[in-house]
PDB file of N, CA and C in Angstrom:
ATOM      1  N   GLN A   1      17.454   2.117 -11.321  1.00  0.00           N
ATOM      2  CA  GLN A   1      16.079   2.602 -11.281  1.00  0.00           C
ATOM      3  C   GLN A   1      15.402   2.123 -10.002  1.00  0.00           C
ATOM      4  N   VAL A   2      14.712   3.029  -9.351  1.00  0.00           N
ATOM      5  CA  VAL A   2      14.057   2.703  -8.092  1.00  0.00           C
ATOM      6  C   VAL A   2      12.694   2.075  -8.350  1.00  0.00           C
ATOM      7  N   HIS A   3      12.429   1.008  -7.619  1.00  0.00           N
ATOM      8  CA  HIS A   3      11.123   0.359  -7.679  1.00  0.00           C
ATOM      9  C   HIS A   3      10.618   0.145  -6.260  1.00  0.00           C
ATOM     10  N   LEU A   4       9.367   0.515  -6.056  1.00  0.00           N
ATOM     11  CA  LEU A   4       8.660   0.207  -4.818  1.00  0.00           C
ATOM     12  C   LEU A   4       7.440  -0.610  -5.223  1.00  0.00           C
ATOM     13  N   ILE A   5       7.396  -1.857  -4.772  1.00  0.00           N
ATOM     14  CA  ILE A   5       6.340  -2.762  -5.187  1.00  0.00           C
ATOM     15  C   ILE A   5       5.486  -3.134  -3.981  1.00  0.00           C
ATOM     16  N   GLU A   6       4.244  -2.653  -3.987  1.00  0.00           N
ATOM     17  CA  GLU A   6       3.312  -2.976  -2.902  1.00  0.00           C
ATOM     18  C   GLU A   6       2.594  -4.292  -3.174  1.00  0.00           C
ATOM     19  N   SER A   7       2.260  -4.973  -2.113  1.00  0.00           N
ATOM     20  CA  SER A   7       1.474  -6.198  -2.207  1.00  0.00           C
ATOM     21  C   SER A   7       0.689  -6.380  -0.923  1.00  0.00           C
ATOM     22  N   GLY A   8      -0.272  -7.297  -0.965  1.00  0.00           N
ATOM     23  CA  GLY A   8      -1.033  -7.619   0.229  1.00  0.00           C
ATOM     24  C   GLY A   8      -2.412  -7.020   0.289  1.00  0.00           C
ATOM     25  N   GLY A   9      -2.760  -6.198  -0.687  1.00  0.00           N
ATOM     26  CA  GLY A   9      -4.094  -5.634  -0.702  1.00  0.00           C
ATOM     27  C   GLY A   9      -5.127  -6.688  -1.059  1.00  0.00           C
ATOM     28  N   GLY A  10      -6.387  -6.299  -0.947  1.00  0.00           N
ATOM     29  CA  GLY A  10      -7.453  -7.222  -1.285  1.00  0.00           C
ATOM     30  C   GLY A  10      -8.776  -6.788  -0.708  1.00  0.00           C
ATOM     31  N   LEU A  11      -9.712  -7.719  -0.715  1.00  0.00           N
ATOM     32  CA  LEU A  11     -11.051  -7.481  -0.198  1.00  0.00           C
ATOM     33  C   LEU A  11     -11.180  -8.156   1.163  1.00  0.00           C
ATOM     34  N   VAL A  12     -11.660  -7.407   2.133  1.00  0.00           N
ATOM     35  CA  VAL A  12     -11.814  -7.946   3.473  1.00  0.00           C
ATOM     36  C   VAL A  12     -13.083  -7.360   4.091  1.00  0.00           C
ATOM     37  N   GLN A  13     -13.680  -8.107   4.982  1.00  0.00           N
ATOM     38  CA  GLN A  13     -14.869  -7.608   5.671  1.00  0.00           C
ATOM     39  C   GLN A  13     -14.463  -6.651   6.795  1.00  0.00           C
ATOM     40  N   ALA A  14     -15.357  -5.780   7.137  1.00  0.00           N
ATOM     41  CA  ALA A  14     -15.116  -4.864   8.241  1.00  0.00           C
ATOM     42  C   ALA A  14     -14.759  -5.642   9.502  1.00  0.00           C
ATOM     43  N   GLY A  15     -13.756  -5.141  10.207  1.00  0.00           N
ATOM     44  CA  GLY A  15     -13.256  -5.821  11.388  1.00  0.00           C
ATOM     45  C   GLY A  15     -12.089  -6.745  11.110  1.00  0.00           C
ATOM     46  N   GLY A  16     -11.847  -6.998   9.849  1.00  0.00           N
ATOM     47  CA  GLY A  16     -10.768  -7.894   9.464  1.00  0.00           C
ATOM     48  C   GLY A  16      -9.416  -7.212   9.411  1.00  0.00           C
ATOM     49  N   SER A  17      -8.420  -7.961   8.952  1.00  0.00           N
ATOM     50  CA  SER A  17      -7.050  -7.472   8.918  1.00  0.00           C
ATOM     51  C   SER A  17      -6.407  -7.758   7.560  1.00  0.00           C
ATOM     52  N   LEU A  18      -5.458  -6.927   7.232  1.00  0.00           N
ATOM     53  CA  LEU A  18      -4.596  -7.136   6.071  1.00  0.00           C
ATOM     54  C   LEU A  18      -3.201  -6.666   6.437  1.00  0.00           C
ATOM     55  N   ARG A  19      -2.223  -7.259   5.787  1.00  0.00           N
ATOM     56  CA  ARG A  19      -0.847  -6.811   5.959  1.00  0.00           C
ATOM     57  C   ARG A  19      -0.287  -6.441   4.597  1.00  0.00           C
ATOM     58  N   LEU A  20       0.011  -5.162   4.439  1.00  0.00           N
ATOM     59  CA  LEU A  20       0.627  -4.690   3.213  1.00  0.00           C
ATOM     60  C   LEU A  20       2.142  -4.769   3.326  1.00  0.00           C
ATOM     61  N   SER A  21       2.759  -5.091   2.207  1.00  0.00           N
ATOM     62  CA  SER A  21       4.216  -5.099   2.131  1.00  0.00           C
ATOM     63  C   SER A  21       4.646  -4.191   0.986  1.00  0.00           C
ATOM     64  N   CYS A  22       5.822  -3.639   1.119  1.00  0.00           N
ATOM     65  CA  CYS A  22       6.400  -2.817   0.056  1.00  0.00           C
ATOM     66  C   CYS A  22       7.867  -3.193  -0.062  1.00  0.00           C
ATOM     67  N   ALA A  23       8.193  -3.827  -1.166  1.00  0.00           N
ATOM     68  CA  ALA A  23       9.565  -4.242  -1.423  1.00  0.00           C
ATOM     69  C   ALA A  23      10.269  -3.190  -2.268  1.00  0.00           C
ATOM     70  N   ALA A  24      11.407  -2.739  -1.794  1.00  0.00           N
ATOM     71  CA  ALA A  24      12.147  -1.674  -2.468  1.00  0.00           C
ATOM     72  C   ALA A  24      13.389  -2.219  -3.151  1.00  0.00           C
ATOM     73  N   SER A  25      13.704  -1.650  -4.301  1.00  0.00           N
ATOM     74  CA  SER A  25      14.941  -1.992  -5.006  1.00  0.00           C
ATOM     75  C   SER A  25      15.451  -0.749  -5.725  1.00  0.00           C
ATOM     76  N   GLY A  26      16.743  -0.767  -6.019  1.00  0.00           N
ATOM     77  CA  GLY A  26      17.328   0.356  -6.744  1.00  0.00           C
ATOM     78  C   GLY A  26      17.708   1.531  -5.870  1.00  0.00           C
ATOM     79  N   LEU A  27      17.582   1.378  -4.568  1.00  0.00           N
ATOM     80  CA  LEU A  27      17.995   2.421  -3.654  1.00  0.00           C
ATOM     81  C   LEU A  27      18.586   1.791  -2.398  1.00  0.00           C
ATOM     82  N   THR A  28      19.300   2.593  -1.641  1.00  0.00           N
ATOM     83  CA  THR A  28      19.838   2.116  -0.374  1.00  0.00           C
ATOM     84  C   THR A  28      18.737   2.246   0.661  1.00  0.00           C
ATOM     85  N   PHE A  29      17.992   1.164   0.820  1.00  0.00           N
ATOM     86  CA  PHE A  29      16.758   1.185   1.617  1.00  0.00           C
ATOM     87  C   PHE A  29      17.006   1.731   3.015  1.00  0.00           C
ATOM     88  N   SER A  30      18.108   1.342   3.626  1.00  0.00           N
ATOM     89  CA  SER A  30      18.380   1.731   5.010  1.00  0.00           C
ATOM     90  C   SER A  30      18.715   3.205   5.151  1.00  0.00           C
ATOM     91  N   SER A  31      18.776   3.923   4.032  1.00  0.00           N
ATOM     92  CA  SER A  31      19.039   5.362   4.065  1.00  0.00           C
ATOM     93  C   SER A  31      17.794   6.199   3.842  1.00  0.00           C
ATOM     94  N   TYR A  32      16.644   5.540   3.723  1.00  0.00           N
ATOM     95  CA  TYR A  32      15.411   6.248   3.419  1.00  0.00           C
ATOM     96  C   TYR A  32      14.355   6.025   4.487  1.00  0.00           C
ATOM     97  N   ALA A  33      13.693   7.118   4.835  1.00  0.00           N
ATOM     98  CA  ALA A  33      12.459   6.985   5.588  1.00  0.00           C
ATOM     99  C   ALA A  33      11.392   6.451   4.646  1.00  0.00           C
ATOM    100  N   MET A  34      10.424   5.751   5.206  1.00  0.00           N
ATOM    101  CA  MET A  34       9.376   5.145   4.392  1.00  0.00           C
ATOM    102  C   MET A  34       8.004   5.585   4.888  1.00  0.00           C
ATOM    103  N   GLY A  35       7.091   5.647   3.955  1.00  0.00           N
ATOM    104  CA  GLY A  35       5.745   6.077   4.333  1.00  0.00           C
ATOM    105  C   GLY A  35       4.674   5.325   3.569  1.00  0.00           C
ATOM    106  N   TRP A  36       3.467   5.409   4.100  1.00  0.00           N
ATOM    107  CA  TRP A  36       2.282   4.885   3.430  1.00  0.00           C
ATOM    108  C   TRP A  36       1.263   6.025   3.321  1.00  0.00           C
ATOM    109  N   PHE A  37       0.708   6.159   2.138  1.00  0.00           N
ATOM    110  CA  PHE A  37      -0.381   7.087   1.892  1.00  0.00           C
ATOM    111  C   PHE A  37      -1.514   6.298   1.264  1.00  0.00           C
ATOM    112  N   ARG A  38      -2.690   6.891   1.212  1.00  0.00           N
ATOM    113  CA  ARG A  38      -3.815   6.233   0.572  1.00  0.00           C
ATOM    114  C   ARG A  38      -4.680   7.249  -0.137  1.00  0.00           C
ATOM    115  N   GLN A  39      -5.378   6.755  -1.144  1.00  0.00           N
ATOM    116  CA  GLN A  39      -6.296   7.623  -1.883  1.00  0.00           C
ATOM    117  C   GLN A  39      -7.587   6.867  -2.133  1.00  0.00           C
ATOM    118  N   ALA A  40      -8.654   7.397  -1.581  1.00  0.00           N
ATOM    119  CA  ALA A  40      -9.981   6.833  -1.776  1.00  0.00           C
ATOM    120  C   ALA A  40     -10.617   7.482  -2.999  1.00  0.00           C
ATOM    121  N   PRO A  41     -11.623   6.832  -3.582  1.00  0.00           N
ATOM    122  CA  PRO A  41     -12.295   7.407  -4.753  1.00  0.00           C
ATOM    123  C   PRO A  41     -12.806   8.817  -4.479  1.00  0.00           C
ATOM    124  N   ARG A  42     -12.532   9.706  -5.401  1.00  0.00           N
ATOM    125  CA  ARG A  42     -13.024  11.086  -5.343  1.00  0.00           C
ATOM    126  C   ARG A  42     -12.447  11.876  -4.153  1.00  0.00           C
ATOM    127  N   ARG A  43     -11.323  11.378  -3.628  1.00  0.00           N
ATOM    128  CA  ARG A  43     -10.680  12.099  -2.532  1.00  0.00           C
ATOM    129  C   ARG A  43      -9.199  12.278  -2.838  1.00  0.00           C
ATOM    130  N   GLU A  44      -8.596  13.253  -2.178  1.00  0.00           N
ATOM    131  CA  GLU A  44      -7.164  13.467  -2.355  1.00  0.00           C
ATOM    132  C   GLU A  44      -6.372  12.410  -1.598  1.00  0.00           C
ATOM    133  N   ARG A  45      -5.161  12.198  -2.059  1.00  0.00           N
ATOM    134  CA  ARG A  45      -4.282  11.269  -1.367  1.00  0.00           C
ATOM    135  C   ARG A  45      -3.973  11.805   0.026  1.00  0.00           C
ATOM    136  N   GLU A  46      -3.967  10.914   1.009  1.00  0.00           N
ATOM    137  CA  GLU A  46      -3.756  11.342   2.388  1.00  0.00           C
ATOM    138  C   GLU A  46      -2.711  10.477   3.074  1.00  0.00           C
ATOM    139  N   PHE A  47      -2.081  11.069   4.064  1.00  0.00           N
ATOM    140  CA  PHE A  47      -1.059  10.398   4.855  1.00  0.00           C
ATOM    141  C   PHE A  47      -1.675   9.314   5.720  1.00  0.00           C
ATOM    142  N   VAL A  48      -0.967   8.193   5.823  1.00  0.00           N
ATOM    143  CA  VAL A  48      -1.391   7.110   6.700  1.00  0.00           C
ATOM    144  C   VAL A  48      -0.367   6.901   7.816  1.00  0.00           C
ATOM    145  N   SER A  49       0.887   6.663   7.420  1.00  0.00           N
ATOM    146  CA  SER A  49       1.905   6.366   8.423  1.00  0.00           C
ATOM    147  C   SER A  49       3.285   6.562   7.812  1.00  0.00           C
ATOM    148  N   ALA A  50       4.265   6.786   8.684  1.00  0.00           N
ATOM    149  CA  ALA A  50       5.649   6.921   8.238  1.00  0.00           C
ATOM    150  C   ALA A  50       6.581   6.382   9.306  1.00  0.00           C
ATOM    151  N   ILE A  51       7.733   5.921   8.861  1.00  0.00           N
ATOM    152  CA  ILE A  51       8.715   5.351   9.778  1.00  0.00           C
ATOM    153  C   ILE A  51      10.097   5.857   9.396  1.00  0.00           C
ATOM    154  N   SER A  52      10.875   6.186  10.421  1.00  0.00           N
ATOM    155  CA  SER A  52      12.206   6.718  10.190  1.00  0.00           C
ATOM    156  C   SER A  52      13.158   5.621   9.714  1.00  0.00           C
ATOM    157  N   ILE A  53      14.358   6.033   9.371  1.00  0.00           N
ATOM    158  CA  ILE A  53      15.363   5.123   8.838  1.00  0.00           C
ATOM    159  C   ILE A  53      15.629   3.959   9.793  1.00  0.00           C
ATOM    160  N   SER A  54      15.775   4.276  11.046  1.00  0.00           N
ATOM    161  CA  SER A  54      16.079   3.242  12.037  1.00  0.00           C
ATOM    162  C   SER A  54      14.844   2.490  12.503  1.00  0.00           C
ATOM    163  N   GLY A  55      13.678   3.068  12.228  1.00  0.00           N
ATOM    164  CA  GLY A  55      12.446   2.476  12.742  1.00  0.00           C
ATOM    165  C   GLY A  55      12.090   2.964  14.136  1.00  0.00           C
ATOM    166  N   GLY A  56      12.927   3.840  14.680  1.00  0.00           N
ATOM    167  CA  GLY A  56      12.705   4.294  16.038  1.00  0.00           C
ATOM    168  C   GLY A  56      11.685   5.402  16.173  1.00  0.00           C
ATOM    169  N   ASN A  57      11.349   6.041  15.074  1.00  0.00           N
ATOM    170  CA  ASN A  57      10.348   7.107  15.081  1.00  0.00           C
ATOM    171  C   ASN A  57       9.245   6.789  14.085  1.00  0.00           C
ATOM    172  N   ILE A  58       8.026   6.923  14.537  1.00  0.00           N
ATOM    173  CA  ILE A  58       6.870   6.534  13.739  1.00  0.00           C
ATOM    174  C   ILE A  58       5.787   7.591  13.856  1.00  0.00           C
ATOM    175  N   LEU A  59       5.098   7.820  12.759  1.00  0.00           N
ATOM    176  CA  LEU A  59       3.956   8.726  12.716  1.00  0.00           C
ATOM    177  C   LEU A  59       2.734   7.967  12.196  1.00  0.00           C
ATOM    178  N   TYR A  60       1.575   8.317  12.741  1.00  0.00           N
ATOM    179  CA  TYR A  60       0.312   7.765  12.251  1.00  0.00           C
ATOM    180  C   TYR A  60      -0.700   8.884  12.073  1.00  0.00           C
ATOM    181  N   ALA A  61      -1.538   8.734  11.075  1.00  0.00           N
ATOM    182  CA  ALA A  61      -2.710   9.591  10.983  1.00  0.00           C
ATOM    183  C   ALA A  61      -3.650   9.255  12.130  1.00  0.00           C
ATOM    184  N   ASP A  62      -4.364  10.247  12.603  1.00  0.00           N
ATOM    185  CA  ASP A  62      -5.278  10.014  13.724  1.00  0.00           C
ATOM    186  C   ASP A  62      -6.306   8.931  13.395  1.00  0.00           C
ATOM    187  N   SER A  63      -6.689   8.869  12.135  1.00  0.00           N
ATOM    188  CA  SER A  63      -7.744   7.932  11.729  1.00  0.00           C
ATOM    189  C   SER A  63      -7.320   6.470  11.816  1.00  0.00           C
ATOM    190  N   VAL A  64      -6.020   6.210  11.900  1.00  0.00           N
ATOM    191  CA  VAL A  64      -5.553   4.813  11.918  1.00  0.00           C
ATOM    192  C   VAL A  64      -4.819   4.458  13.213  1.00  0.00           C
ATOM    193  N   LYS A  65      -4.599   5.432  14.081  1.00  0.00           N
ATOM    194  CA  LYS A  65      -3.895   5.162  15.340  1.00  0.00           C
ATOM    195  C   LYS A  65      -4.606   4.088  16.128  1.00  0.00           C
ATOM    196  N   GLY A  66      -3.816   3.145  16.628  1.00  0.00           N
ATOM    197  CA  GLY A  66      -4.368   2.069  17.428  1.00  0.00           C
ATOM    198  C   GLY A  66      -4.870   0.894  16.601  1.00  0.00           C
ATOM    199  N   ARG A  67      -4.937   1.073  15.279  1.00  0.00           N
ATOM    200  CA  ARG A  67      -5.410  -0.008  14.400  1.00  0.00           C
ATOM    201  C   ARG A  67      -4.330  -0.462  13.425  1.00  0.00           C
ATOM    202  N   PHE A  68      -3.506   0.471  12.954  1.00  0.00           N
ATOM    203  CA  PHE A  68      -2.468   0.170  11.978  1.00  0.00           C
ATOM    204  C   PHE A  68      -1.106   0.222  12.652  1.00  0.00           C
ATOM    205  N   THR A  69      -0.198  -0.632  12.156  1.00  0.00           N
ATOM    206  CA  THR A  69       1.174  -0.641  12.658  1.00  0.00           C
ATOM    207  C   THR A  69       2.133  -0.708  11.487  1.00  0.00           C
ATOM    208  N   ILE A  70       3.042   0.257  11.445  1.00  0.00           N
ATOM    209  CA  ILE A  70       4.067   0.268  10.408  1.00  0.00           C
ATOM    210  C   ILE A  70       5.342  -0.333  10.979  1.00  0.00           C
ATOM    211  N   SER A  71       6.076  -1.027  10.124  1.00  0.00           N
ATOM    212  CA  SER A  71       7.366  -1.580  10.536  1.00  0.00           C
ATOM    213  C   SER A  71       8.239  -1.724   9.302  1.00  0.00           C
ATOM    214  N   ARG A  72       9.503  -1.946   9.527  1.00  0.00           N
ATOM    215  CA  ARG A  72      10.419  -2.115   8.391  1.00  0.00           C
ATOM    216  C   ARG A  72      11.464  -3.162   8.735  1.00  0.00           C
ATOM    217  N   ASP A  73      11.944  -3.803   7.695  1.00  0.00           N
ATOM    218  CA  ASP A  73      13.023  -4.776   7.823  1.00  0.00           C
ATOM    219  C   ASP A  73      14.103  -4.346   6.842  1.00  0.00           C
ATOM    220  N   ASN A  74      15.114  -3.693   7.339  1.00  0.00           N
ATOM    221  CA  ASN A  74      16.161  -3.169   6.461  1.00  0.00           C
ATOM    222  C   ASN A  74      16.966  -4.275   5.792  1.00  0.00           C
ATOM    223  N   ALA A  75      17.006  -5.445   6.400  1.00  0.00           N
ATOM    224  CA  ALA A  75      17.717  -6.560   5.786  1.00  0.00           C
ATOM    225  C   ALA A  75      16.973  -7.088   4.561  1.00  0.00           C
ATOM    226  N   LYS A  76      15.654  -6.889   4.551  1.00  0.00           N
ATOM    227  CA  LYS A  76      14.829  -7.373   3.437  1.00  0.00           C
ATOM    228  C   LYS A  76      14.376  -6.257   2.518  1.00  0.00           C
ATOM    229  N   ASN A  77      14.815  -5.029   2.807  1.00  0.00           N
ATOM    230  CA  ASN A  77      14.414  -3.876   1.985  1.00  0.00           C
ATOM    231  C   ASN A  77      12.893  -3.773   1.865  1.00  0.00           C
ATOM    232  N   THR A  78      12.230  -3.996   2.961  1.00  0.00           N
ATOM    233  CA  THR A  78      10.776  -4.062   2.939  1.00  0.00           C
ATOM    234  C   THR A  78      10.173  -3.271   4.098  1.00  0.00           C
ATOM    235  N   VAL A  79       9.088  -2.582   3.796  1.00  0.00           N
ATOM    236  CA  VAL A  79       8.304  -1.916   4.828  1.00  0.00           C
ATOM    237  C   VAL A  79       6.913  -2.539   4.826  1.00  0.00           C
ATOM    238  N   TYR A  80       6.326  -2.618   6.010  1.00  0.00           N
ATOM    239  CA  TYR A  80       5.037  -3.283   6.177  1.00  0.00           C
ATOM    240  C   TYR A  80       4.017  -2.324   6.784  1.00  0.00           C
ATOM    241  N   LEU A  81       2.771  -2.629   6.523  1.00  0.00           N
ATOM    242  CA  LEU A  81       1.682  -1.922   7.196  1.00  0.00           C
ATOM    243  C   LEU A  81       0.664  -2.976   7.619  1.00  0.00           C
ATOM    244  N   GLN A  82       0.644  -3.252   8.909  1.00  0.00           N
ATOM    245  CA  GLN A  82      -0.333  -4.180   9.459  1.00  0.00           C
ATOM    246  C   GLN A  82      -1.596  -3.393   9.765  1.00  0.00           C
ATOM    247  N   MET A  83      -2.700  -3.804   9.158  1.00  0.00           N
ATOM    248  CA  MET A  83      -3.954  -3.084   9.310  1.00  0.00           C
ATOM    249  C   MET A  83      -4.970  -3.995   9.988  1.00  0.00           C
ATOM    250  N   ASN A  84      -5.377  -3.608  11.172  1.00  0.00           N
ATOM    251  CA  ASN A  84      -6.367  -4.367  11.939  1.00  0.00           C
ATOM    252  C   ASN A  84      -7.641  -3.556  12.098  1.00  0.00           C
ATOM    253  N   LYS A  85      -8.693  -4.241  12.481  1.00  0.00           N
ATOM    254  CA  LYS A  85      -9.986  -3.583  12.723  1.00  0.00           C
ATOM    255  C   LYS A  85     -10.356  -2.671  11.548  1.00  0.00           C
ATOM    256  N   LEU A  86     -10.240  -3.201  10.361  1.00  0.00           N
ATOM    257  CA  LEU A  86     -10.490  -2.408   9.166  1.00  0.00           C
ATOM    258  C   LEU A  86     -11.945  -1.977   9.085  1.00  0.00           C
ATOM    259  N   MET A  87     -12.138  -0.800   8.536  1.00  0.00           N
ATOM    260  CA  MET A  87     -13.466  -0.205   8.395  1.00  0.00           C
ATOM    261  C   MET A  87     -13.689   0.142   6.929  1.00  0.00           C
ATOM    262  N   PRO A  88     -14.941   0.234   6.511  1.00  0.00           N
ATOM    263  CA  PRO A  88     -15.207   0.580   5.104  1.00  0.00           C
ATOM    264  C   PRO A  88     -14.513   1.876   4.676  1.00  0.00           C
ATOM    265  N   GLU A  89     -14.363   2.809   5.600  1.00  0.00           N
ATOM    266  CA  GLU A  89     -13.705   4.071   5.230  1.00  0.00           C
ATOM    267  C   GLU A  89     -12.206   3.929   5.022  1.00  0.00           C
ATOM    268  N   ASP A  90     -11.660   2.760   5.286  1.00  0.00           N
ATOM    269  CA  ASP A  90     -10.259   2.493   4.969  1.00  0.00           C
ATOM    270  C   ASP A  90     -10.084   2.074   3.510  1.00  0.00           C
ATOM    271  N   THR A  91     -11.170   1.887   2.807  1.00  0.00           N
ATOM    272  CA  THR A  91     -11.108   1.509   1.399  1.00  0.00           C
ATOM    273  C   THR A  91     -10.383   2.571   0.594  1.00  0.00           C
ATOM    274  N   ALA A  92      -9.327   2.156  -0.101  1.00  0.00           N
ATOM    275  CA  ALA A  92      -8.504   3.098  -0.849  1.00  0.00           C
ATOM    276  C   ALA A  92      -7.411   2.333  -1.579  1.00  0.00           C
ATOM    277  N   ILE A  93      -6.726   3.038  -2.441  1.00  0.00           N
ATOM    278  CA  ILE A  93      -5.466   2.533  -2.977  1.00  0.00           C
ATOM    279  C   ILE A  93      -4.371   2.995  -2.018  1.00  0.00           C
ATOM    280  N   TYR A  94      -3.547   2.049  -1.590  1.00  0.00           N
ATOM    281  CA  TYR A  94      -2.481   2.347  -0.631  1.00  0.00           C
ATOM    282  C   TYR A  94      -1.144   2.389  -1.367  1.00  0.00           C
ATOM    283  N   TYR A  95      -0.425   3.486  -1.135  1.00  0.00           N
ATOM    284  CA  TYR A  95       0.842   3.725  -1.804  1.00  0.00           C
ATOM    285  C   TYR A  95       1.992   3.712  -0.801  1.00  0.00           C
ATOM    286  N   CYS A  96       3.068   3.108  -1.215  1.00  0.00           N
ATOM    287  CA  CYS A  96       4.315   3.111  -0.464  1.00  0.00           C
ATOM    288  C   CYS A  96       5.199   4.217  -1.025  1.00  0.00           C
ATOM    289  N   THR A  97       5.958   4.856  -0.144  1.00  0.00           N
ATOM    290  CA  THR A  97       6.809   5.939  -0.598  1.00  0.00           C
ATOM    291  C   THR A  97       8.100   5.991   0.207  1.00  0.00           C
ATOM    292  N   ALA A  98       9.140   6.550  -0.400  1.00  0.00           N
ATOM    293  CA  ALA A  98      10.455   6.653   0.235  1.00  0.00           C
ATOM    294  C   ALA A  98      10.967   8.080   0.134  1.00  0.00           C
ATOM    295  N   GLY A  99      11.588   8.554   1.209  1.00  0.00           N
ATOM    296  CA  GLY A  99      12.109   9.919   1.203  1.00  0.00           C
ATOM    297  C   GLY A  99      13.229  10.095   2.202  1.00  0.00           C
ATOM    298  N   ASP A 100      13.745  11.320   2.229  1.00  0.00           N
ATOM    299  CA  ASP A 100      14.884  11.600   3.099  1.00  0.00           C
ATOM    300  C   ASP A 100      14.491  11.660   4.565  1.00  0.00           C
ATOM    301  N   GLY A 101      13.290  12.080   4.844  1.00  0.00           N
ATOM    302  CA  GLY A 101      12.882  12.215   6.238  1.00  0.00           C
ATOM    303  C   GLY A 101      11.449  11.793   6.411  1.00  0.00           C
ATOM    304  N   TYR A 102      11.151  11.152   7.540  1.00  0.00           N
ATOM    305  CA  TYR A 102       9.775  10.709   7.727  1.00  0.00           C
ATOM    306  C   TYR A 102       8.904  11.921   8.060  1.00  0.00           C
ATOM    307  N   THR A 103       7.801  12.033   7.318  1.00  0.00           N
ATOM    308  CA  THR A 103       6.969  13.223   7.389  1.00  0.00           C
ATOM    309  C   THR A 103       5.581  12.891   6.896  1.00  0.00           C
ATOM    310  N   THR A 104       4.629  13.754   7.240  1.00  0.00           N
ATOM    311  CA  THR A 104       3.259  13.596   6.742  1.00  0.00           C
ATOM    312  C   THR A 104       3.075  14.269   5.392  1.00  0.00           C
ATOM    313  N   ASP A 105       4.070  15.040   4.949  1.00  0.00           N
ATOM    314  CA  ASP A 105       3.981  15.831   3.726  1.00  0.00           C
ATOM    315  C   ASP A 105       4.382  14.981   2.523  1.00  0.00           C
ATOM    316  N   GLN A 106       3.432  14.658   1.685  1.00  0.00           N
ATOM    317  CA  GLN A 106       3.714  13.789   0.542  1.00  0.00           C
ATOM    318  C   GLN A 106       4.670  14.442  -0.449  1.00  0.00           C
ATOM    319  N   ASP A 107       4.739  15.757  -0.480  1.00  0.00           N
ATOM    320  CA  ASP A 107       5.619  16.443  -1.423  1.00  0.00           C
ATOM    321  C   ASP A 107       7.094  16.257  -1.088  1.00  0.00           C
ATOM    322  N   LEU A 108       7.369  15.790   0.120  1.00  0.00           N
ATOM    323  CA  LEU A 108       8.760  15.613   0.542  1.00  0.00           C
ATOM    324  C   LEU A 108       9.278  14.210   0.306  1.00  0.00           C
ATOM    325  N   TYR A 109       8.462  13.352  -0.267  1.00  0.00           N
ATOM    326  CA  TYR A 109       8.906  11.993  -0.597  1.00  0.00           C
ATOM    327  C   TYR A 109       9.388  11.949  -2.044  1.00  0.00           C
ATOM    328  N   ASP A 110      10.376  11.110  -2.278  1.00  0.00           N
ATOM    329  CA  ASP A 110      11.029  11.084  -3.581  1.00  0.00           C
ATOM    330  C   ASP A 110      10.514   9.996  -4.517  1.00  0.00           C
ATOM    331  N   TYR A 111      10.163   8.863  -3.968  1.00  0.00           N
ATOM    332  CA  TYR A 111       9.784   7.724  -4.795  1.00  0.00           C
ATOM    333  C   TYR A 111       8.455   7.150  -4.329  1.00  0.00           C
ATOM    334  N   TRP A 112       7.681   6.662  -5.308  1.00  0.00           N
ATOM    335  CA  TRP A 112       6.345   6.135  -5.028  1.00  0.00           C
ATOM    336  C   TRP A 112       6.146   4.808  -5.742  1.00  0.00           C
ATOM    337  N   GLY A 113       5.385   3.929  -5.087  1.00  0.00           N
ATOM    338  CA  GLY A 113       4.963   2.705  -5.736  1.00  0.00           C
ATOM    339  C   GLY A 113       3.706   2.937  -6.553  1.00  0.00           C
ATOM    340  N   GLN A 114       3.247   1.866  -7.196  1.00  0.00           N
ATOM    341  CA  GLN A 114       2.056   1.964  -8.045  1.00  0.00           C
ATOM    342  C   GLN A 114       0.768   1.816  -7.249  1.00  0.00           C
ATOM    343  N   GLY A 115       0.881   1.324  -6.037  1.00  0.00           N
ATOM    344  CA  GLY A 115      -0.294   1.213  -5.189  1.00  0.00           C
ATOM    345  C   GLY A 115      -0.897  -0.179  -5.183  1.00  0.00           C
ATOM    346  N   THR A 116      -1.609  -0.458  -4.105  1.00  0.00           N
ATOM    347  CA  THR A 116      -2.347  -1.714  -3.983  1.00  0.00           C
ATOM    348  C   THR A 116      -3.733  -1.403  -3.433  1.00  0.00           C
ATOM    349  N   GLN A 117      -4.734  -2.033  -4.005  1.00  0.00           N
ATOM    350  CA  GLN A 117      -6.117  -1.728  -3.638  1.00  0.00           C
ATOM    351  C   GLN A 117      -6.506  -2.470  -2.364  1.00  0.00           C
ATOM    352  N   VAL A 118      -7.090  -1.733  -1.449  1.00  0.00           N
ATOM    353  CA  VAL A 118      -7.689  -2.304  -0.247  1.00  0.00           C
ATOM    354  C   VAL A 118      -9.162  -1.958  -0.261  1.00  0.00           C
ATOM    355  N   THR A 119      -9.998  -2.979  -0.180  1.00  0.00           N
ATOM    356  CA  THR A 119     -11.435  -2.771  -0.162  1.00  0.00           C
ATOM    357  C   THR A 119     -12.011  -3.443   1.075  1.00  0.00           C
ATOM    358  N   VAL A 120     -12.728  -2.673   1.874  1.00  0.00           N
ATOM    359  CA  VAL A 120     -13.321  -3.192   3.099  1.00  0.00           C
ATOM    360  C   VAL A 120     -14.838  -3.137   2.942  1.00  0.00           C
ATOM    361  N   SER A 121     -15.444  -4.294   2.996  1.00  0.00           N
ATOM    362  CA  SER A 121     -16.900  -4.365   2.841  1.00  0.00           C
ATOM    363  C   SER A 121     -17.571  -4.242   4.208  1.00  0.00           C
ATOM    364  N   PRO A 122     -18.786  -3.678   4.223  1.00  0.00           N
ATOM    365  CA  PRO A 122     -19.491  -3.485   5.506  1.00  0.00           C
ATOM    366  C   PRO A 122     -19.807  -4.805   6.197  1.00  0.00           C
TER     367      PRO A 122
END
């Protein structure tokens, strides 16, 4: 059974930083592209970032470019999202996901975590 467990969320003031982690089990981590999506209250889930199997190809949403950095450690079966210069509009539940190819399309991902809450206060 596949499990994606997110951690690292919390409450932070605007301008602060958080580092999200997603630990994967039950799958061959090094064979999956990984992604992060988020869903704010009363909004649809949206793409944040994705990283290819090797880590050599990365995608970011325009809203987080220059502030967020995705990375992965295949030896630890973990993907990270370093979030800097956080803004109140980054407040959302952040979800980790795994799929065959790194993409902005959430329908193309196969597995999802339960999410971790990120709250950024003004």
